[in-house]
Amino acid sequence: MTKLNIILFLVLILTALGVVAAQHQSRKLYFELQQSQEAAKQYEIEWGQLQLEQSTWAMHSRLEQVAGQFLHMQVPDSKRIQIVVPDN
């Protein structure tokens, strides 16, 4: 009877250690999940900011300003503009 009690006691201890290890692993994985979700939120915010910045840099007025200031380009007068009709 004492052998059976010792075996059951050891099984109980091993099971308790398994439960503790599983809970620890679960908490660790949950913490990593929270960190990953927070990083994903930050990436979403950064992505939105980059899209806004891209749309700002690609605005027609910005392109005209850069072309005029840095490339010394200007819009030709209407007499010099020719419209080319494509052949179908």
C-alpha atoms as a PDB file:
ATOM      1  CA  MET A   1       0.000   0.000   0.000  1.00  0.00           C
ATOM      2  CA  THR A   2       2.838   2.422   0.747  1.00  0.00           C
ATOM      3  CA  LYS A   3       4.413   1.708  -2.651  1.00  0.00           C
ATOM      4  CA  LEU A   4       1.164   2.639  -4.328  1.00  0.00           C
ATOM      5  CA  ASN A   5       0.939   5.817  -2.223  1.00  0.00           C
ATOM      6  CA  ILE A   6       4.507   6.783  -3.153  1.00  0.00           C
ATOM      7  CA  ILE A   7       3.852   6.176  -6.853  1.00  0.00           C
ATOM      8  CA  LEU A   8       0.633   8.196  -6.729  1.00  0.00           C
ATOM      9  CA  PHE A   9       2.413  10.966  -4.836  1.00  0.00           C
ATOM     10  CA  LEU A  10       5.159  11.106  -7.477  1.00  0.00           C
ATOM     11  CA  VAL A  11       2.568  11.177 -10.260  1.00  0.00           C
ATOM     12  CA  LEU A  12       0.789  13.986  -8.412  1.00  0.00           C
ATOM     13  CA  ILE A  13       4.041  15.977  -8.102  1.00  0.00           C
ATOM     14  CA  LEU A  14       4.910  15.459 -11.771  1.00  0.00           C
ATOM     15  CA  THR A  15       1.414  16.478 -12.830  1.00  0.00           C
ATOM     16  CA  ALA A  16       1.584  19.606 -10.663  1.00  0.00           C
ATOM     17  CA  LEU A  17       4.965  20.516 -12.178  1.00  0.00           C
ATOM     18  CA  GLY A  18       3.501  19.976 -15.648  1.00  0.00           C
ATOM     19  CA  VAL A  19       0.599  22.309 -14.867  1.00  0.00           C
ATOM     20  CA  VAL A  20       2.974  24.986 -13.571  1.00  0.00           C
ATOM     21  CA  ALA A  21       5.179  24.679 -16.658  1.00  0.00           C
ATOM     22  CA  ALA A  22       2.153  24.867 -18.966  1.00  0.00           C
ATOM     23  CA  GLN A  23       0.834  27.986 -17.203  1.00  0.00           C
ATOM     24  CA  HIS A  24       4.254  29.624 -17.418  1.00  0.00           C
ATOM     25  CA  GLN A  25       4.494  28.847 -21.141  1.00  0.00           C
ATOM     26  CA  SER A  26       0.951  30.124 -21.675  1.00  0.00           C
ATOM     27  CA  ARG A  27       1.709  33.443 -19.952  1.00  0.00           C
ATOM     28  CA  LYS A  28       4.946  33.811 -21.881  1.00  0.00           C
ATOM     29  CA  LEU A  29       3.198  33.227 -25.217  1.00  0.00           C
ATOM     30  CA  TYR A  30       0.377  35.619 -24.287  1.00  0.00           C
ATOM     31  CA  PHE A  31       2.926  38.328 -23.476  1.00  0.00           C
ATOM     32  CA  GLU A  32       4.619  37.766 -26.854  1.00  0.00           C
ATOM     33  CA  LEU A  33       1.216  37.964 -28.560  1.00  0.00           C
ATOM     34  CA  GLN A  34       0.502  41.300 -26.871  1.00  0.00           C
ATOM     35  CA  GLN A  35       3.885  42.647 -27.981  1.00  0.00           C
ATOM     36  CA  SER A  36       3.280  41.489 -31.551  1.00  0.00           C
ATOM     37  CA  GLN A  37      -0.152  43.110 -31.637  1.00  0.00           C
ATOM     38  CA  GLU A  38       1.299  46.371 -30.328  1.00  0.00           C
ATOM     39  CA  ALA A  39       4.029  46.265 -32.977  1.00  0.00           C
ATOM     40  CA  ALA A  40       1.376  45.617 -35.648  1.00  0.00           C
ATOM     41  CA  LYS A  41      -0.552  48.693 -34.473  1.00  0.00           C
ATOM     42  CA  GLN A  42       2.601  50.791 -34.681  1.00  0.00           C
ATOM     43  CA  TYR A  43       3.303  49.492 -38.196  1.00  0.00           C
ATOM     44  CA  GLU A  44      -0.261  50.382 -39.234  1.00  0.00           C
ATOM     45  CA  ILE A  45       0.212  53.921 -37.933  1.00  0.00           C
ATOM     46  CA  GLU A  46       3.563  54.257 -39.677  1.00  0.00           C
ATOM     47  CA  TRP A  47       2.083  52.888 -42.917  1.00  0.00           C
ATOM     48  CA  GLY A  48      -0.678  55.496 -42.818  1.00  0.00           C
ATOM     49  CA  GLN A  49       1.841  58.260 -42.202  1.00  0.00           C
ATOM     50  CA  LEU A  50       4.004  57.071 -45.096  1.00  0.00           C
ATOM     51  CA  GLN A  51       1.003  56.977 -47.433  1.00  0.00           C
ATOM     52  CA  LEU A  52       0.107  60.521 -46.416  1.00  0.00           C
ATOM     53  CA  GLU A  53       3.686  61.645 -46.964  1.00  0.00           C
ATOM     54  CA  GLN A  54       3.785  59.980 -50.373  1.00  0.00           C
ATOM     55  CA  SER A  55       0.571  61.664 -51.461  1.00  0.00           C
ATOM     56  CA  THR A  56       1.961  65.014 -50.282  1.00  0.00           C
ATOM     57  CA  TRP A  57       5.200  64.590 -52.221  1.00  0.00           C
ATOM     58  CA  ALA A  58       3.321  63.523 -55.370  1.00  0.00           C
ATOM     59  CA  MET A  59       0.938  66.492 -55.451  1.00  0.00           C
ATOM     60  CA  HIS A  60       0.862  68.393 -58.717  1.00  0.00           C
ATOM     61  CA  SER A  61       1.723  71.706 -57.068  1.00  0.00           C
ATOM     62  CA  ARG A  62       4.749  70.138 -55.350  1.00  0.00           C
ATOM     63  CA  LEU A  63       5.995  68.715 -58.650  1.00  0.00           C
ATOM     64  CA  GLU A  64       5.625  72.078 -60.356  1.00  0.00           C
ATOM     65  CA  GLN A  65       7.492  73.772 -57.511  1.00  0.00           C
ATOM     66  CA  VAL A  66      10.403  71.313 -57.677  1.00  0.00           C
ATOM     67  CA  ALA A  67      10.518  71.480 -61.468  1.00  0.00           C
ATOM     68  CA  GLY A  68      10.667  75.259 -61.372  1.00  0.00           C
ATOM     69  CA  GLN A  69      13.107  75.739 -58.495  1.00  0.00           C
ATOM     70  CA  PHE A  70      15.576  72.916 -58.890  1.00  0.00           C
ATOM     71  CA  LEU A  71      15.320  71.941 -62.547  1.00  0.00           C
ATOM     72  CA  HIS A  72      14.638  75.463 -63.871  1.00  0.00           C
ATOM     73  CA  MET A  73      11.734  74.203 -65.937  1.00  0.00           C
ATOM     74  CA  GLN A  74       8.754  76.328 -66.945  1.00  0.00           C
ATOM     75  CA  VAL A  75       5.407  75.767 -68.574  1.00  0.00           C
ATOM     76  CA  PRO A  76       5.578  76.624 -72.284  1.00  0.00           C
ATOM     77  CA  ASP A  77       3.231  79.233 -73.637  1.00  0.00           C
ATOM     78  CA  SER A  78       0.172  78.059 -75.507  1.00  0.00           C
ATOM     79  CA  LYS A  79       1.662  78.914 -78.943  1.00  0.00           C
ATOM     80  CA  ARG A  80       4.411  76.336 -78.462  1.00  0.00           C
ATOM     81  CA  ILE A  81       2.137  73.474 -77.353  1.00  0.00           C
ATOM     82  CA  GLN A  82       1.225  70.916 -80.038  1.00  0.00           C
ATOM     83  CA  ILE A  83      -1.428  68.261 -79.554  1.00  0.00           C
ATOM     84  CA  VAL A  84      -0.593  64.961 -81.202  1.00  0.00           C
ATOM     85  CA  VAL A  85      -3.482  62.703 -82.142  1.00  0.00           C
ATOM     86  CA  PRO A  86      -2.586  58.990 -82.154  1.00  0.00           C
ATOM     87  CA  ASP A  87      -3.325  56.902 -85.240  1.00  0.00           C
ATOM     88  CA  ASN A  88      -5.752  54.079 -84.578  1.00  0.00           C
END
